[in-house]
Amino acid sequence: MIKMTRIDKSEFTANADMIEFVEATPDTIVTLVSGKKIVVSEPVEIIVHRIVEYKKACNMPLVTGDQ
């Protein structure tokens, strides 16, 4: 899940796996696989960075206190 900010400054969290693409028109528009479009205040580069970091975190081994 990644955090984003709508144009009205309200924050929300979206499942990064459900993002189909992100475009700048000049506003940043996030399109979900459902077809829903969300205008956000972050630039495309920040959204892409958050998605990459999310994917990296998903692929890291879990660390438990038993080790």
C-alpha atoms as a PDB file:
ATOM      1  CA  MET A   1       0.000   0.000   0.000  1.00  0.00           C
ATOM      2  CA  ILE A   2       1.226   3.500  -0.777  1.00  0.00           C
ATOM      3  CA  LYS A   3       0.076   6.877   0.525  1.00  0.00           C
ATOM      4  CA  MET A   4      -0.969   9.625  -1.841  1.00  0.00           C
ATOM      5  CA  THR A   5      -2.605  13.036  -1.492  1.00  0.00           C
ATOM      6  CA  ARG A   6      -5.658  14.193  -3.407  1.00  0.00           C
ATOM      7  CA  ILE A   7      -5.743  17.723  -4.790  1.00  0.00           C
ATOM      8  CA  ASP A   8      -7.985  18.745  -1.846  1.00  0.00           C
ATOM      9  CA  LYS A   9      -5.088  17.741   0.508  1.00  0.00           C
ATOM     10  CA  SER A  10      -6.847  14.626   1.860  1.00  0.00           C
ATOM     11  CA  GLU A  11      -4.561  11.613   2.161  1.00  0.00           C
ATOM     12  CA  PHE A  12      -5.468   8.095   1.129  1.00  0.00           C
ATOM     13  CA  THR A  13      -3.748   4.754   0.771  1.00  0.00           C
ATOM     14  CA  ALA A  14      -3.989   2.612  -2.346  1.00  0.00           C
ATOM     15  CA  ASN A  15      -2.863  -0.879  -3.199  1.00  0.00           C
ATOM     16  CA  ALA A  16       0.144  -0.348  -5.472  1.00  0.00           C
ATOM     17  CA  ASP A  17      -0.635  -3.622  -7.264  1.00  0.00           C
ATOM     18  CA  MET A  18      -3.936  -2.126  -8.449  1.00  0.00           C
ATOM     19  CA  ILE A  19      -2.299   0.858 -10.197  1.00  0.00           C
ATOM     20  CA  GLU A  20      -2.365   0.391 -13.957  1.00  0.00           C
ATOM     21  CA  PHE A  21      -0.518   3.577 -14.898  1.00  0.00           C
ATOM     22  CA  VAL A  22       0.403   7.090 -13.736  1.00  0.00           C
ATOM     23  CA  GLU A  23       0.460  10.094 -16.041  1.00  0.00           C
ATOM     24  CA  ALA A  24       1.061  13.834 -15.881  1.00  0.00           C
ATOM     25  CA  THR A  25      -1.424  15.956 -17.857  1.00  0.00           C
ATOM     26  CA  PRO A  26      -0.084  18.349 -16.153  1.00  0.00           C
ATOM     27  CA  ASP A  27      -1.868  17.105 -13.001  1.00  0.00           C
ATOM     28  CA  THR A  28      -0.815  13.645 -11.906  1.00  0.00           C
ATOM     29  CA  ILE A  29      -3.533  11.101 -12.655  1.00  0.00           C
ATOM     30  CA  VAL A  30      -3.376   7.612 -11.181  1.00  0.00           C
ATOM     31  CA  THR A  31      -5.454   5.068 -13.096  1.00  0.00           C
ATOM     32  CA  LEU A  32      -6.405   1.868 -11.300  1.00  0.00           C
ATOM     33  CA  VAL A  33      -7.019  -1.479 -13.009  1.00  0.00           C
ATOM     34  CA  SER A  34     -10.736  -0.927 -12.341  1.00  0.00           C
ATOM     35  CA  GLY A  35     -10.621   2.142 -14.601  1.00  0.00           C
ATOM     36  CA  LYS A  36     -11.064   4.590 -11.721  1.00  0.00           C
ATOM     37  CA  LYS A  37      -8.915   7.707 -12.086  1.00  0.00           C
ATOM     38  CA  ILE A  38      -7.610   9.698  -9.116  1.00  0.00           C
ATOM     39  CA  VAL A  39      -5.943  13.118  -9.389  1.00  0.00           C
ATOM     40  CA  VAL A  40      -3.122  13.449  -6.869  1.00  0.00           C
ATOM     41  CA  SER A  41      -0.792  16.263  -5.865  1.00  0.00           C
ATOM     42  CA  GLU A  42       2.447  14.230  -5.951  1.00  0.00           C
ATOM     43  CA  PRO A  43       4.462  14.272  -9.180  1.00  0.00           C
ATOM     44  CA  VAL A  44       4.724  11.084 -11.255  1.00  0.00           C
ATOM     45  CA  GLU A  45       8.322  10.475 -10.105  1.00  0.00           C
ATOM     46  CA  ILE A  46       7.295  10.359  -6.424  1.00  0.00           C
ATOM     47  CA  ILE A  47       4.451   7.909  -7.089  1.00  0.00           C
ATOM     48  CA  VAL A  48       6.785   5.663  -9.100  1.00  0.00           C
ATOM     49  CA  HIS A  49       9.388   5.824  -6.312  1.00  0.00           C
ATOM     50  CA  ARG A  50       6.776   4.811  -3.718  1.00  0.00           C
ATOM     51  CA  ILE A  51       5.618   1.909  -5.891  1.00  0.00           C
ATOM     52  CA  VAL A  52       9.214   0.689  -6.334  1.00  0.00           C
ATOM     53  CA  GLU A  53       9.869   0.928  -2.584  1.00  0.00           C
ATOM     54  CA  TYR A  54       6.632  -0.963  -1.879  1.00  0.00           C
ATOM     55  CA  LYS A  55       7.618  -3.726  -4.310  1.00  0.00           C
ATOM     56  CA  LYS A  56      11.088  -3.970  -2.729  1.00  0.00           C
ATOM     57  CA  ALA A  57       9.546  -4.254   0.743  1.00  0.00           C
ATOM     58  CA  CYS A  58       7.205  -7.004  -0.474  1.00  0.00           C
ATOM     59  CA  ASN A  59      10.173  -9.034  -1.669  1.00  0.00           C
ATOM     60  CA  MET A  60      12.289  -8.730   1.491  1.00  0.00           C
ATOM     61  CA  PRO A  61      12.409 -11.680   3.888  1.00  0.00           C
ATOM     62  CA  LEU A  62      10.452 -11.259   7.087  1.00  0.00           C
ATOM     63  CA  VAL A  63      12.544 -10.670  10.193  1.00  0.00           C
ATOM     64  CA  THR A  64      11.316 -12.229  13.424  1.00  0.00           C
ATOM     65  CA  GLY A  65      12.556 -11.793  16.975  1.00  0.00           C
ATOM     66  CA  ASP A  66      13.464 -15.513  17.081  1.00  0.00           C
ATOM     67  CA  GLN A  67      16.587 -15.130  14.962  1.00  0.00           C
END
